[in-house]
Amino acid sequence: MQNKLTKIKKDIRKIEEKISEYQSKLKSLEKEKTDLENLMMIDVLRRHKVNHNDLPTILQIFEEEKGSSVPLKINNMEEQQNENI
């Protein structure tokens, strides 16, 4: 009976250690994912030559148009800017 209890306690410790390792790995992967997403967003902004002055307007459009086709709005905005030049 004592041997069985000792074995169960040992198994519990092993599982707790694994859980801790997995939680640490998960946290690391989540940070890596966030970093990559941020880099992707920066890349998109640079490819479209968005400067820091235009960013608040673009973010406002995203907020107002959640769920709709935002790229069309951005293209329309670019066309309006080109017409003003």
N, C-alpha and C. Protein backbone atom coordinates (compact mmCIF):
# COMPACT_ATOMS: atom_id res chain seq x y z
N MET A 1 0.81 -1.18 0.00
CA MET A 1 0.00 0.00 0.00
C MET A 1 0.86 1.26 0.00
N GLN A 2 1.90 1.29 0.83
CA GLN A 2 2.80 2.44 0.93
C GLN A 2 3.55 2.63 -0.39
N ASN A 3 3.95 1.51 -1.00
CA ASN A 3 4.66 1.60 -2.28
C ASN A 3 3.78 2.23 -3.36
N LYS A 4 2.52 1.88 -3.35
CA LYS A 4 1.59 2.44 -4.32
C LYS A 4 1.43 3.94 -4.11
N LEU A 5 1.31 4.38 -2.86
CA LEU A 5 1.19 5.80 -2.53
C LEU A 5 2.46 6.54 -2.96
N THR A 6 3.61 5.98 -2.69
CA THR A 6 4.89 6.59 -3.08
C THR A 6 4.96 6.73 -4.60
N LYS A 7 4.55 5.70 -5.31
CA LYS A 7 4.57 5.75 -6.77
C LYS A 7 3.64 6.83 -7.29
N ILE A 8 2.46 6.94 -6.71
CA ILE A 8 1.49 7.96 -7.14
C ILE A 8 2.06 9.35 -6.89
N LYS A 9 2.66 9.56 -5.73
CA LYS A 9 3.26 10.87 -5.43
C LYS A 9 4.38 11.19 -6.41
N LYS A 10 5.17 10.21 -6.75
CA LYS A 10 6.27 10.40 -7.71
C LYS A 10 5.70 10.76 -9.09
N ASP A 11 4.65 10.07 -9.49
CA ASP A 11 4.01 10.38 -10.77
C ASP A 11 3.43 11.79 -10.79
N ILE A 12 2.84 12.20 -9.68
CA ILE A 12 2.29 13.56 -9.57
C ILE A 12 3.40 14.59 -9.75
N ARG A 13 4.53 14.39 -9.09
CA ARG A 13 5.65 15.33 -9.22
C ARG A 13 6.14 15.40 -10.67
N LYS A 14 6.24 14.25 -11.33
CA LYS A 14 6.67 14.22 -12.73
C LYS A 14 5.71 15.01 -13.62
N ILE A 15 4.43 14.80 -13.40
CA ILE A 15 3.42 15.49 -14.21
C ILE A 15 3.46 16.99 -13.93
N GLU A 16 3.61 17.38 -12.67
CA GLU A 16 3.71 18.80 -12.33
C GLU A 16 4.92 19.44 -13.01
N GLU A 17 6.03 18.72 -13.06
CA GLU A 17 7.22 19.22 -13.73
C GLU A 17 6.97 19.40 -15.23
N LYS A 18 6.31 18.43 -15.83
CA LYS A 18 5.98 18.51 -17.26
C LYS A 18 5.05 19.69 -17.53
N ILE A 19 4.05 19.85 -16.67
CA ILE A 19 3.12 20.97 -16.83
C ILE A 19 3.89 22.29 -16.78
N SER A 20 4.79 22.41 -15.84
CA SER A 20 5.60 23.62 -15.72
C SER A 20 6.43 23.85 -16.98
N GLU A 21 7.03 22.79 -17.50
CA GLU A 21 7.83 22.90 -18.73
C GLU A 21 6.95 23.34 -19.90
N TYR A 22 5.77 22.75 -20.02
CA TYR A 22 4.86 23.08 -21.11
C TYR A 22 4.34 24.52 -20.98
N GLN A 23 4.08 24.95 -19.76
CA GLN A 23 3.63 26.33 -19.56
C GLN A 23 4.72 27.31 -19.97
N SER A 24 5.93 26.99 -19.63
CA SER A 24 7.06 27.83 -20.02
C SER A 24 7.22 27.85 -21.54
N LYS A 25 7.12 26.70 -22.15
CA LYS A 25 7.23 26.60 -23.61
C LYS A 25 6.08 27.36 -24.28
N LEU A 26 4.88 27.23 -23.75
CA LEU A 26 3.72 27.93 -24.30
C LEU A 26 3.93 29.44 -24.23
N LYS A 27 4.39 29.93 -23.11
CA LYS A 27 4.64 31.36 -22.94
C LYS A 27 5.67 31.84 -23.96
N SER A 28 6.72 31.07 -24.15
CA SER A 28 7.76 31.41 -25.12
C SER A 28 7.20 31.44 -26.55
N LEU A 29 6.39 30.45 -26.89
CA LEU A 29 5.81 30.39 -28.23
C LEU A 29 4.82 31.53 -28.46
N GLU A 30 4.05 31.87 -27.45
CA GLU A 30 3.11 32.99 -27.58
C GLU A 30 3.85 34.30 -27.82
N LYS A 31 4.97 34.50 -27.12
CA LYS A 31 5.77 35.71 -27.32
C LYS A 31 6.36 35.72 -28.73
N GLU A 32 6.87 34.59 -29.17
CA GLU A 32 7.44 34.49 -30.51
C GLU A 32 6.37 34.79 -31.57
N LYS A 33 5.17 34.26 -31.37
CA LYS A 33 4.05 34.50 -32.29
C LYS A 33 3.72 36.00 -32.35
N THR A 34 3.63 36.63 -31.20
CA THR A 34 3.33 38.06 -31.13
C THR A 34 4.41 38.88 -31.83
N ASP A 35 5.65 38.52 -31.59
CA ASP A 35 6.76 39.22 -32.24
C ASP A 35 6.68 39.10 -33.75
N LEU A 36 6.39 37.90 -34.24
CA LEU A 36 6.28 37.69 -35.69
C LEU A 36 5.09 38.44 -36.28
N GLU A 37 3.97 38.45 -35.56
CA GLU A 37 2.80 39.21 -36.03
C GLU A 37 3.12 40.70 -36.12
N ASN A 38 3.83 41.21 -35.12
CA ASN A 38 4.23 42.62 -35.13
C ASN A 38 5.14 42.92 -36.32
N LEU A 39 6.09 42.04 -36.57
CA LEU A 39 6.98 42.23 -37.72
C LEU A 39 6.20 42.20 -39.04
N MET A 40 5.20 41.32 -39.12
CA MET A 40 4.38 41.26 -40.33
C MET A 40 3.62 42.57 -40.53
N MET A 41 3.07 43.12 -39.46
CA MET A 41 2.34 44.38 -39.56
C MET A 41 3.27 45.51 -39.99
N ILE A 42 4.45 45.56 -39.42
CA ILE A 42 5.42 46.59 -39.79
C ILE A 42 5.79 46.44 -41.26
N ASP A 43 5.98 45.21 -41.71
CA ASP A 43 6.32 44.96 -43.10
C ASP A 43 5.22 45.46 -44.03
N VAL A 44 3.97 45.20 -43.70
CA VAL A 44 2.84 45.66 -44.52
C VAL A 44 2.84 47.18 -44.59
N LEU A 45 3.00 47.82 -43.45
CA LEU A 45 3.02 49.29 -43.42
C LEU A 45 4.14 49.85 -44.27
N ARG A 46 5.29 49.23 -44.20
CA ARG A 46 6.43 49.71 -45.00
C ARG A 46 6.21 49.47 -46.49
N ARG A 47 5.66 48.30 -46.83
CA ARG A 47 5.39 48.01 -48.26
C ARG A 47 4.41 49.01 -48.85
N HIS A 48 3.47 49.47 -48.05
CA HIS A 48 2.48 50.43 -48.53
C HIS A 48 2.92 51.87 -48.28
N LYS A 49 4.15 52.01 -47.83
CA LYS A 49 4.74 53.33 -47.58
C LYS A 49 3.86 54.21 -46.68
N VAL A 50 3.37 53.59 -45.62
CA VAL A 50 2.55 54.31 -44.64
C VAL A 50 3.49 54.99 -43.66
N ASN A 51 3.36 56.30 -43.53
CA ASN A 51 4.21 56.98 -42.55
C ASN A 51 3.48 57.09 -41.22
N HIS A 52 4.21 57.49 -40.21
CA HIS A 52 3.64 57.52 -38.87
C HIS A 52 2.49 58.52 -38.74
N ASN A 53 2.42 59.53 -39.59
CA ASN A 53 1.32 60.50 -39.54
C ASN A 53 0.01 59.89 -40.04
N ASP A 54 0.10 58.94 -40.98
CA ASP A 54 -1.10 58.31 -41.54
C ASP A 54 -1.63 57.16 -40.68
N LEU A 55 -0.80 56.64 -39.82
CA LEU A 55 -1.17 55.46 -39.04
C LEU A 55 -2.43 55.66 -38.18
N PRO A 56 -2.58 56.76 -37.47
CA PRO A 56 -3.82 56.92 -36.69
C PRO A 56 -5.08 56.88 -37.55
N THR A 57 -5.02 57.46 -38.74
CA THR A 57 -6.18 57.44 -39.64
C THR A 57 -6.48 56.02 -40.08
N ILE A 58 -5.47 55.27 -40.42
CA ILE A 58 -5.65 53.89 -40.85
C ILE A 58 -6.23 53.05 -39.71
N LEU A 59 -5.72 53.24 -38.52
CA LEU A 59 -6.23 52.50 -37.37
C LEU A 59 -7.68 52.87 -37.07
N GLN A 60 -8.03 54.12 -37.27
CA GLN A 60 -9.42 54.54 -37.09
C GLN A 60 -10.32 53.86 -38.11
N ILE A 61 -9.85 53.75 -39.34
CA ILE A 61 -10.62 53.05 -40.38
C ILE A 61 -10.81 51.60 -39.99
N PHE A 62 -9.75 50.95 -39.52
CA PHE A 62 -9.87 49.56 -39.07
C PHE A 62 -10.94 49.44 -38.00
N GLU A 63 -10.91 50.35 -37.04
CA GLU A 63 -11.87 50.30 -35.94
C GLU A 63 -13.30 50.51 -36.44
N GLU A 64 -13.48 51.44 -37.33
CA GLU A 64 -14.82 51.75 -37.84
C GLU A 64 -15.35 50.66 -38.76
N GLU A 65 -14.47 50.01 -39.48
CA GLU A 65 -14.87 49.05 -40.51
C GLU A 65 -14.60 47.61 -40.13
N LYS A 66 -14.56 47.30 -38.84
CA LYS A 66 -14.31 45.91 -38.42
C LYS A 66 -15.24 44.97 -39.16
N GLY A 67 -14.64 43.94 -39.72
CA GLY A 67 -15.42 42.94 -40.41
C GLY A 67 -15.65 43.23 -41.88
N SER A 68 -15.34 44.44 -42.33
CA SER A 68 -15.51 44.72 -43.76
C SER A 68 -14.15 44.75 -44.44
N SER A 69 -14.17 45.01 -45.71
CA SER A 69 -12.95 44.96 -46.50
C SER A 69 -12.17 46.26 -46.34
N VAL A 70 -11.29 46.28 -45.37
CA VAL A 70 -10.51 47.48 -45.07
C VAL A 70 -9.55 47.85 -46.19
N PRO A 71 -8.92 46.88 -46.87
CA PRO A 71 -7.99 47.28 -47.93
C PRO A 71 -8.64 48.17 -48.99
N LEU A 72 -9.94 47.98 -49.27
CA LEU A 72 -10.61 48.84 -50.23
C LEU A 72 -10.66 50.27 -49.71
N LYS A 73 -10.92 50.43 -48.43
CA LYS A 73 -10.95 51.76 -47.83
C LYS A 73 -9.58 52.41 -47.93
N ILE A 74 -8.54 51.64 -47.66
CA ILE A 74 -7.19 52.18 -47.72
C ILE A 74 -6.88 52.60 -49.15
N ASN A 75 -7.23 51.77 -50.12
CA ASN A 75 -6.99 52.11 -51.52
C ASN A 75 -7.74 53.38 -51.90
N ASN A 76 -8.98 53.52 -51.45
CA ASN A 76 -9.75 54.73 -51.72
C ASN A 76 -9.08 55.94 -51.10
N MET A 77 -8.56 55.77 -49.90
CA MET A 77 -7.87 56.86 -49.22
C MET A 77 -6.63 57.27 -50.01
N GLU A 78 -5.89 56.27 -50.52
CA GLU A 78 -4.70 56.56 -51.32
C GLU A 78 -5.08 57.30 -52.59
N GLU A 79 -6.17 56.92 -53.23
CA GLU A 79 -6.63 57.59 -54.44
C GLU A 79 -7.00 59.03 -54.15
N GLN A 80 -7.67 59.27 -53.03
CA GLN A 80 -8.04 60.64 -52.65
C GLN A 80 -6.80 61.48 -52.41
N GLN A 81 -5.79 60.88 -51.78
CA GLN A 81 -4.57 61.61 -51.52
C GLN A 81 -3.88 61.95 -52.83
N ASN A 82 -3.88 61.00 -53.78
CA ASN A 82 -3.25 61.24 -55.06
C ASN A 82 -3.98 62.33 -55.84
N GLU A 83 -5.29 62.41 -55.69
CA GLU A 83 -6.06 63.44 -56.36
C GLU A 83 -5.77 64.81 -55.78
N ASN A 84 -5.48 64.85 -54.50
CA ASN A 84 -5.18 66.12 -53.83
C ASN A 84 -3.80 66.65 -54.18
N ILE A 85 -2.97 65.81 -54.74
CA ILE A 85 -1.59 66.23 -55.05
C ILE A 85 -1.52 66.97 -56.32
